[in-house]
Amino acid sequence: MKLIPHRRSRETEIWLRKETLEQNKRYKNIVRQQDALSPKRDRWIADFLERIQTRGVHVHFDQMRKVRPDEIPSKPKRKFRVVF
């Protein structure tokens, strides 16, 4: 597949570099904030998993079913990744 070679002005190139740097800075800030939430997130997940085993989940309208412990997935070894 051939791409159309687009020519950019010098001002556009400077603007693009500046925008890329700003976006990378914002991205790193978001990643840092998400990593700081990790202990809270682990508690939220543990609370959720306990709740669906004790109270259950809605299957249909007012019907609830408890999730058996063998249905709960094991925690992966990799770092928790938030997609944003």
Protein backbone atom coordinates (compact mmCIF):
# COMPACT_ATOMS: atom_id res chain seq x y z
CA MET A 1 0.00 0.00 0.00
CA LYS A 2 1.37 3.38 -0.96
CA LEU A 3 0.84 6.36 1.24
CA ILE A 4 0.39 9.87 -0.03
CA PRO A 5 3.41 11.95 0.97
CA HIS A 6 2.03 14.99 2.77
CA ARG A 7 4.19 18.04 3.16
CA ARG A 8 3.98 19.97 6.38
CA SER A 9 5.09 23.49 7.02
CA ARG A 10 7.73 24.22 9.62
CA GLU A 11 5.12 25.74 11.95
CA THR A 12 3.03 22.58 11.68
CA GLU A 13 6.01 20.37 12.53
CA ILE A 14 6.80 22.50 15.59
CA TRP A 15 3.15 22.41 16.68
CA LEU A 16 3.03 18.61 16.20
CA ARG A 17 6.15 18.07 18.32
CA LYS A 18 4.79 20.36 21.03
CA GLU A 19 1.42 18.57 21.07
CA THR A 20 3.10 15.16 21.20
CA LEU A 21 5.21 16.22 24.18
CA GLU A 22 2.16 17.59 25.99
CA GLN A 23 0.15 14.42 25.32
CA ASN A 24 2.99 12.22 26.58
CA LYS A 25 3.22 14.34 29.72
CA ARG A 26 -0.55 14.00 30.30
CA TYR A 27 -0.37 10.25 29.66
CA LYS A 28 2.44 9.78 32.18
CA ASN A 29 0.47 11.80 34.74
CA ILE A 30 -2.59 9.57 34.22
CA VAL A 31 -0.46 6.42 34.54
CA ARG A 32 1.09 7.73 37.76
CA GLN A 33 -2.38 8.50 39.19
CA GLN A 34 -3.70 5.06 38.20
CA ASP A 35 -0.68 3.35 39.76
CA ALA A 36 -1.25 5.31 42.98
CA LEU A 37 -4.81 3.91 43.07
CA SER A 38 -3.55 0.34 42.94
CA PRO A 39 -4.03 -0.53 46.67
CA LYS A 40 -7.56 0.92 46.63
CA ARG A 41 -8.36 -0.87 43.39
CA ASP A 42 -7.20 -4.20 44.87
CA ARG A 43 -9.54 -3.65 47.84
CA TRP A 44 -12.42 -2.75 45.49
CA ILE A 45 -11.87 -5.94 43.50
CA ALA A 46 -11.64 -8.07 46.66
CA ASP A 47 -14.84 -6.48 48.03
CA PHE A 48 -16.62 -7.08 44.73
CA LEU A 49 -15.54 -10.71 44.57
CA GLU A 50 -16.67 -11.27 48.15
CA ARG A 51 -20.01 -9.56 47.50
CA ILE A 52 -20.87 -11.68 44.46
CA GLN A 53 -20.09 -14.82 46.47
CA THR A 54 -22.21 -13.82 49.49
CA ARG A 55 -25.05 -11.71 48.05
CA GLY A 56 -24.96 -12.94 44.48
CA VAL A 57 -25.55 -11.29 41.13
CA HIS A 58 -28.77 -10.53 39.28
CA VAL A 59 -29.42 -13.11 36.62
CA HIS A 60 -32.81 -11.85 35.51
CA PHE A 61 -35.01 -9.12 37.00
CA ASP A 62 -35.31 -10.20 40.65
CA GLN A 63 -33.54 -13.54 40.38
CA MET A 64 -30.12 -13.66 42.01
CA ARG A 65 -27.47 -16.35 42.00
CA LYS A 66 -24.39 -16.70 44.16
CA VAL A 67 -21.07 -17.19 42.41
CA ARG A 68 -19.18 -20.27 43.58
CA PRO A 69 -15.53 -19.81 44.64
CA ASP A 70 -14.36 -22.10 41.82
CA GLU A 71 -15.95 -19.69 39.30
CA ILE A 72 -13.81 -16.79 40.51
CA PRO A 73 -10.75 -16.29 38.29
CA SER A 74 -7.34 -16.29 39.93
CA LYS A 75 -5.41 -13.05 40.15
CA PRO A 76 -2.97 -12.73 37.23
CA LYS A 77 0.75 -12.42 37.95
CA ARG A 78 1.12 -9.38 35.73
CA LYS A 79 0.59 -5.81 36.86
CA PHE A 80 -3.02 -4.59 36.76
CA ARG A 81 -3.49 -2.52 33.64
CA VAL A 82 -6.13 0.17 33.28
CA VAL A 83 -7.08 0.95 29.71
CA PHE A 84 -7.93 4.59 29.10
